[in-house]
Amino acid sequence: MQAQSLKVILKNEFSAGAAGGLPPTDHWLELWLYEEKHFVMATKLLAEMQSQALEEDWLCKQCGEFNGTSFDWCWNCSE
């Protein structure tokens, strides 16, 4: 987000470890904008990031290993 010149605040970034018996909604990560006028741009950027995260995992053609979307090369054989 900040690479797009949007000033943001992350809230609850480190609260998951201390959650205990709290409901998940009490310690979810929150992204706050400093300026409301950037809401539309921030929403578009988040949508782009989410669509990239939903890309499918892939199977290596070289060794047949299953790889997550975050891998550009096979973690097993580096192909």
Protein backbone atom coordinates (compact mmCIF):
# COMPACT_ATOMS: atom_id res chain seq x y z
CA MET A 1 0.00 0.00 0.00
CA GLN A 2 2.64 2.50 0.92
CA ALA A 3 4.37 1.89 -2.40
CA GLN A 4 1.28 3.51 -3.95
CA SER A 5 1.72 6.64 -1.77
CA LEU A 6 -1.15 5.78 0.55
CA LYS A 7 -0.55 6.40 4.22
CA VAL A 8 -2.00 3.55 6.26
CA ILE A 9 -2.04 2.20 9.80
CA LEU A 10 -2.08 -1.53 10.56
CA LYS A 11 -4.00 -2.41 13.70
CA ASN A 12 -3.92 -5.73 15.55
CA GLU A 13 -0.82 -6.75 13.62
CA PHE A 14 0.63 -8.73 16.53
CA SER A 15 -2.50 -9.60 18.52
CA ALA A 16 -3.16 -13.11 17.16
CA GLY A 17 -0.71 -14.74 19.59
CA ALA A 18 -2.49 -13.23 22.58
CA ALA A 19 -6.00 -14.01 21.37
CA GLY A 20 -6.79 -16.76 23.88
CA GLY A 21 -10.54 -17.18 24.12
CA LEU A 22 -11.36 -13.99 22.24
CA PRO A 23 -13.54 -14.21 19.13
CA PRO A 24 -11.48 -13.94 15.92
CA THR A 25 -13.17 -10.66 14.98
CA ASP A 26 -11.65 -9.02 18.08
CA HIS A 27 -8.08 -9.49 16.82
CA TRP A 28 -8.33 -9.50 13.02
CA LEU A 29 -5.79 -7.41 11.17
CA GLU A 30 -7.20 -3.99 10.26
CA LEU A 31 -5.91 -1.62 7.59
CA TRP A 32 -6.82 2.02 8.21
CA LEU A 33 -6.30 4.87 5.76
CA TYR A 34 -5.18 8.28 6.93
CA GLU A 35 -7.26 9.99 4.24
CA GLU A 36 -10.75 8.88 3.27
CA LYS A 37 -10.28 10.29 -0.24
CA HIS A 38 -7.98 7.31 -0.96
CA PHE A 39 -10.65 4.73 -0.15
CA VAL A 40 -11.52 3.90 -3.78
CA MET A 41 -7.87 3.54 -4.79
CA ALA A 42 -7.10 1.40 -1.73
CA THR A 43 -10.10 -0.83 -2.43
CA LYS A 44 -8.89 -1.41 -6.00
CA LEU A 45 -5.37 -2.22 -4.82
CA LEU A 46 -6.66 -4.69 -2.25
CA ALA A 47 -8.85 -6.36 -4.87
CA GLU A 48 -5.82 -6.75 -7.17
CA MET A 49 -3.76 -8.23 -4.35
CA GLN A 50 -6.54 -10.67 -3.44
CA SER A 51 -6.99 -11.82 -7.04
CA GLN A 52 -3.25 -12.49 -7.27
CA ALA A 53 -3.43 -14.46 -4.03
CA LEU A 54 -6.24 -16.62 -5.45
CA GLU A 55 -4.14 -17.85 -8.35
CA GLU A 56 -3.90 -21.61 -8.37
CA ASP A 57 -1.06 -23.70 -7.03
CA TRP A 58 0.92 -25.51 -9.68
CA LEU A 59 2.50 -28.89 -10.39
CA CYS A 60 6.16 -29.00 -11.48
CA LYS A 61 6.54 -30.48 -14.97
CA GLN A 62 10.08 -31.68 -14.13
CA CYS A 63 9.59 -33.60 -10.86
CA GLY A 64 5.81 -33.59 -10.31
CA GLU A 65 6.03 -31.72 -6.99
CA PHE A 66 3.06 -29.60 -5.89
CA ASN A 67 4.02 -25.91 -5.41
CA GLY A 68 2.15 -22.96 -3.93
CA THR A 69 1.43 -19.82 -5.91
CA SER A 70 4.18 -17.96 -4.07
CA PHE A 71 6.82 -20.15 -5.74
CA ASP A 72 8.22 -19.01 -9.08
CA TRP A 73 10.40 -22.12 -9.28
CA CYS A 74 9.81 -25.58 -7.91
CA TRP A 75 10.93 -25.75 -4.28
CA ASN A 76 12.01 -29.35 -4.81
CA CYS A 77 14.05 -29.29 -8.04
CA SER A 78 14.40 -25.55 -8.75
CA GLU A 79 12.90 -25.90 -12.24
